């Protein structure tokens, strides 16, 4: 897949939140392979540095920003810094968010998850990302196709798709908006789960017989952002190996 061509213009910029590990890191790395300059954001400086080092060692261009995307001031400062370093940010992958296992209070979690994506998107859009601009949110099959033990997680992920549909219907003249929905994905957050008895049982119910890889989600995300998807707007794209069709 490293030789795939999604039609991006070399030197255009993508901003990826939660780029320090897992799906965000995979999107950042594969975007760089496509010739995009990458503004990589994360709360954790160490993980972000690993992502940035991997991009630069492969000859790519990267800007790092350590920030909490729920902090409006940090978001505004980061967007200004990214634009100064790389030029206009044409593509946005709203990927950052807490794990479903995080012990968050319901109301706070909903405000954190939905509010941060809305404020990030508004701040990005206010900077006029330009013709062909697009945004993808990492949502989930949770809340949209299946229920999970975590009430706030299911509600937040469903809410994100509601926001995507609103944007697709009312902001399409500015940018396209879509949602990528991972199923069981082999990221650090699920390391202990996949080795558990229940995790092993869940994997046997996935028709493709495995968890998704971060790259599986990254390539789907980049397709939705890319010029190849220029007439795709407002979709919910499950990337789950067929898991949800067996439930």
Protein backbone atom coordinates (compact mmCIF):
# COMPACT_ATOMS: atom_id res chain seq x y z
CA UNK A 1 0.00 0.00 0.00
CA UNK A 2 2.98 2.32 0.35
CA UNK A 3 2.88 2.85 -3.43
CA UNK A 4 -0.82 3.81 -3.44
CA UNK A 5 -1.61 7.21 -4.92
CA UNK A 6 -4.60 8.99 -3.43
CA UNK A 7 -4.16 12.05 -5.63
CA UNK A 8 -2.97 14.49 -2.99
CA UNK A 9 -0.93 17.49 -4.07
CA UNK A 10 2.58 17.12 -2.71
CA UNK A 11 3.29 19.69 -0.02
CA UNK A 12 -0.31 20.18 1.05
CA UNK A 13 -0.75 19.91 4.80
CA UNK A 14 -2.74 17.53 6.98
CA UNK A 15 -3.29 18.01 10.70
CA UNK A 16 -3.68 14.80 12.70
CA UNK A 17 -4.72 14.90 16.35
CA UNK A 18 -3.79 12.00 18.60
CA UNK A 19 -0.79 11.36 16.35
CA UNK A 20 1.44 9.97 19.10
CA UNK A 21 0.28 6.37 18.76
CA UNK A 22 -2.20 3.97 17.21
CA UNK A 23 -4.51 5.17 14.46
CA UNK A 24 -3.29 8.77 14.60
CA UNK A 25 0.32 7.74 14.19
CA UNK A 26 -0.56 5.46 11.27
CA UNK A 27 -2.47 8.26 9.54
CA UNK A 28 0.42 10.67 10.02
CA UNK A 29 2.98 8.21 8.67
CA UNK A 30 0.92 7.17 5.64
CA UNK A 31 0.02 10.79 4.89
CA UNK A 32 3.72 11.65 4.79
CA UNK A 33 4.25 8.77 2.37
CA UNK A 34 1.64 10.41 0.13
CA UNK A 35 3.76 13.57 0.02
CA UNK A 36 1.69 15.55 2.51
CA UNK A 37 3.30 17.75 5.12
CA UNK A 38 2.06 16.65 8.53
CA UNK A 39 1.13 18.72 11.56
CA UNK A 40 1.14 16.04 14.26
CA UNK A 41 -0.59 16.78 17.58
CA UNK A 42 -0.78 14.85 20.81
CA UNK A 43 -0.94 15.25 24.57
CA UNK A 44 2.13 13.06 25.04
CA UNK A 45 5.39 14.60 23.89
CA UNK A 46 7.27 11.30 23.92
CA UNK A 47 4.88 9.47 21.60
CA UNK A 48 4.66 12.51 19.34
CA UNK A 49 8.44 12.67 19.07
CA UNK A 50 8.52 9.02 17.97
CA UNK A 51 5.99 9.75 15.24
CA UNK A 52 7.88 12.82 14.08
CA UNK A 53 11.18 10.98 14.03
CA UNK A 54 9.68 8.23 11.88
CA UNK A 55 8.39 10.81 9.39
CA UNK A 56 11.62 12.76 9.16
CA UNK A 57 13.76 9.63 8.89
CA UNK A 58 11.70 8.65 5.86
CA UNK A 59 12.26 12.06 4.28
CA UNK A 60 8.92 13.61 5.20
CA UNK A 61 8.03 17.02 6.60
CA UNK A 62 6.46 17.28 10.04
CA UNK A 63 5.41 19.91 12.54
CA UNK A 64 4.84 18.89 16.17
CA UNK A 65 2.37 20.40 18.59
CA UNK A 66 1.91 19.11 22.14
CA UNK A 67 -1.54 20.15 23.29
CA UNK A 68 -4.88 19.16 24.75
CA UNK A 69 -7.38 19.65 21.92
CA UNK A 70 -10.06 20.59 24.45
CA UNK A 71 -8.02 23.72 25.27
CA UNK A 72 -9.23 26.38 22.82
CA UNK A 73 -6.22 28.63 23.37
CA UNK A 74 -3.79 25.79 22.70
CA UNK A 75 -5.71 24.87 19.54
CA UNK A 76 -5.60 28.42 18.20
CA UNK A 77 -1.90 28.71 18.97
CA UNK A 78 -1.19 25.34 17.38
CA UNK A 79 -3.04 26.18 14.18
CA UNK A 80 -1.16 29.45 13.90
CA UNK A 81 2.14 27.66 14.47
CA UNK A 82 1.30 24.96 11.93
CA UNK A 83 0.33 27.51 9.30
CA UNK A 84 3.55 29.42 9.91
CA UNK A 85 5.63 26.26 9.58
CA UNK A 86 3.80 24.46 6.78
CA UNK A 87 1.29 26.79 5.15
CA UNK A 88 -2.50 26.40 5.04
CA UNK A 89 -3.83 23.21 6.60
CA UNK A 90 -6.05 21.68 3.91
CA UNK A 91 -6.92 18.40 5.65
CA UNK A 92 -7.95 17.61 9.22
CA UNK A 93 -8.13 14.22 10.92
CA UNK A 94 -10.02 14.70 14.17
CA UNK A 95 -8.70 11.56 15.80
CA UNK A 96 -7.87 12.46 19.41
CA UNK A 97 -10.15 11.27 22.18
CA UNK A 98 -10.15 9.31 25.44
CA UNK A 99 -10.22 5.52 25.54
CA UNK A 100 -13.55 3.84 26.26
CA UNK A 101 -12.00 2.46 29.45
CA UNK A 102 -11.21 5.92 30.83
CA UNK A 103 -13.05 6.49 34.15
CA UNK A 104 -14.81 9.66 33.06
CA UNK A 105 -17.96 11.19 34.48
CA UNK A 106 -20.73 11.07 31.86
CA UNK A 107 -21.45 14.77 31.37
CA UNK A 108 -17.80 15.73 31.41
CA UNK A 109 -16.95 13.00 28.91
CA UNK A 110 -19.63 14.11 26.45
CA UNK A 111 -18.52 17.72 26.66
CA UNK A 112 -14.87 16.69 26.28
CA UNK A 113 -15.37 14.41 23.28
CA UNK A 114 -17.92 16.40 21.32
CA UNK A 115 -16.78 19.85 22.38
CA UNK A 116 -13.14 19.33 21.47
CA UNK A 117 -13.96 18.10 17.95
CA UNK A 118 -16.38 20.97 17.36
CA UNK A 119 -13.95 23.63 18.60
CA UNK A 120 -11.05 22.08 16.67
CA UNK A 121 -13.09 21.96 13.47
CA UNK A 122 -14.38 25.51 13.83
CA UNK A 123 -10.92 26.89 14.53
CA UNK A 124 -9.48 25.03 11.52
CA UNK A 125 -12.31 26.10 9.21
CA UNK A 126 -11.98 29.73 10.28
CA UNK A 127 -8.52 29.75 8.74
CA UNK A 128 -9.94 29.06 5.25
CA UNK A 129 -8.29 25.72 4.43
CA UNK A 130 -8.96 26.23 0.72
CA UNK A 131 -10.38 24.40 -2.26
CA UNK A 132 -10.65 20.65 -1.77
CA UNK A 133 -10.50 20.89 2.02
CA UNK A 134 -11.79 17.90 3.95
CA UNK A 135 -12.20 16.69 7.51
CA UNK A 136 -12.55 13.15 8.86
CA UNK A 137 -13.55 12.25 12.42
CA UNK A 138 -12.55 8.98 14.03
CA UNK A 139 -15.86 7.77 15.33
CA UNK A 140 -16.60 4.08 16.05
CA UNK A 141 -18.96 1.21 15.44
CA UNK A 142 -19.69 1.72 19.16
CA UNK A 143 -22.80 3.80 19.62
CA UNK A 144 -23.51 3.78 15.90
CA UNK A 145 -23.94 0.05 15.26
CA UNK A 146 -23.38 -1.67 18.62
CA UNK A 147 -23.75 -0.71 22.25
CA UNK A 148 -20.81 -0.83 24.63
CA UNK A 149 -20.43 -1.06 28.39
CA UNK A 150 -19.30 2.56 28.53
CA UNK A 151 -22.38 4.79 28.25
CA UNK A 152 -20.48 8.00 27.55
CA UNK A 153 -18.33 6.38 24.87
CA UNK A 154 -21.29 5.08 22.88
CA UNK A 155 -23.10 8.40 23.15
CA UNK A 156 -20.04 10.44 22.21
CA UNK A 157 -19.23 8.34 19.16
CA UNK A 158 -22.82 8.51 17.94
CA UNK A 159 -22.81 12.25 18.60
CA UNK A 160 -19.71 12.74 16.50
CA UNK A 161 -21.51 11.26 13.51
CA UNK A 162 -24.41 13.60 14.15
CA UNK A 163 -21.97 16.49 13.96
CA UNK A 164 -20.44 15.10 10.76
CA UNK A 165 -23.88 14.91 9.14
CA UNK A 166 -24.64 18.48 10.19
CA UNK A 167 -21.39 19.70 8.65
CA UNK A 168 -21.92 17.68 5.49
CA UNK A 169 -25.36 19.20 5.01
CA UNK A 170 -24.56 22.79 5.91
CA UNK A 171 -20.83 23.42 5.41
CA UNK A 172 -20.07 21.54 2.18
CA UNK A 173 -19.20 24.76 0.39
CA UNK A 174 -16.25 25.07 2.77
CA UNK A 175 -15.08 21.47 3.26
CA UNK A 176 -16.22 17.86 3.08
CA UNK A 177 -16.91 15.95 6.31
CA UNK A 178 -16.94 12.19 6.86
CA UNK A 179 -16.58 9.68 9.68
CA UNK A 180 -14.34 6.62 9.77
CA UNK A 181 -15.54 3.97 12.22
CA UNK A 182 -13.00 1.46 13.48
CA UNK A 183 -14.11 -1.83 14.91
CA UNK A 184 -11.70 -3.91 16.98
CA UNK A 185 -8.33 -2.36 16.16
CA UNK A 186 -4.92 -3.54 17.35
CA UNK A 187 -3.69 -0.41 19.11
CA UNK A 188 -1.96 0.00 22.49
CA UNK A 189 -5.35 0.72 24.08
CA UNK A 190 -6.56 -2.81 23.30
CA UNK A 191 -3.39 -4.78 24.03
CA UNK A 192 -4.69 -6.34 27.23
CA UNK A 193 -8.18 -6.89 25.79
CA UNK A 194 -7.06 -8.82 22.73
CA UNK A 195 -5.13 -11.26 24.93
CA UNK A 196 -8.05 -11.80 27.30
CA UNK A 197 -10.51 -14.68 26.99
CA UNK A 198 -13.34 -12.37 25.97
CA UNK A 199 -11.08 -10.65 23.47
CA UNK A 200 -10.15 -13.93 21.85
CA UNK A 201 -13.82 -14.87 21.61
CA UNK A 202 -14.68 -11.55 19.97
CA UNK A 203 -11.95 -12.00 17.38
CA UNK A 204 -13.36 -15.40 16.40
CA UNK A 205 -16.60 -13.60 15.46
CA UNK A 206 -14.86 -11.25 13.02
CA UNK A 207 -15.32 -12.76 9.54
CA UNK A 208 -11.79 -11.79 8.51
CA UNK A 209 -10.40 -13.58 11.56
CA UNK A 210 -8.29 -10.76 12.93
CA UNK A 211 -8.37 -7.34 14.52
CA UNK A 212 -7.87 -4.35 12.30
CA UNK A 213 -4.42 -2.83 11.99
CA UNK A 214 -3.92 0.93 12.47
CA UNK A 215 -2.98 1.13 8.80
CA UNK A 216 -6.39 -0.28 7.84
CA UNK A 217 -8.01 2.74 9.46
CA UNK A 218 -5.35 5.16 8.21
CA UNK A 219 -5.81 4.24 4.56
CA UNK A 220 -9.59 4.51 4.84
CA UNK A 221 -9.17 7.94 6.45
CA UNK A 222 -6.79 9.14 3.77
CA UNK A 223 -9.13 7.95 1.04
CA UNK A 224 -12.02 9.92 2.56
CA UNK A 225 -9.82 13.02 2.79
CA UNK A 226 -8.37 12.63 -0.68
CA UNK A 227 -9.36 14.08 -4.06
CA UNK A 228 -10.43 10.56 -5.04
CA UNK A 229 -13.35 10.97 -2.61
CA UNK A 230 -14.30 14.46 -3.81
CA UNK A 231 -18.03 13.57 -4.02
CA UNK A 232 -18.19 11.63 -0.76
CA UNK A 233 -19.67 13.77 1.99
CA UNK A 234 -21.40 12.82 5.24
CA UNK A 235 -20.69 9.09 5.18
CA UNK A 236 -20.18 6.71 8.10
CA UNK A 237 -17.54 4.20 6.99
CA UNK A 238 -17.15 1.11 9.22
CA UNK A 239 -13.70 -0.46 9.01
CA UNK A 240 -14.28 -3.59 11.09
CA UNK A 241 -13.58 -6.67 8.99
CA UNK A 242 -17.31 -7.35 8.81
CA UNK A 243 -17.64 -7.74 12.58
CA UNK A 244 -20.83 -5.71 12.92
CA UNK A 245 -22.67 -7.56 10.17
CA UNK A 246 -22.37 -10.72 12.27
CA UNK A 247 -23.79 -9.20 15.45
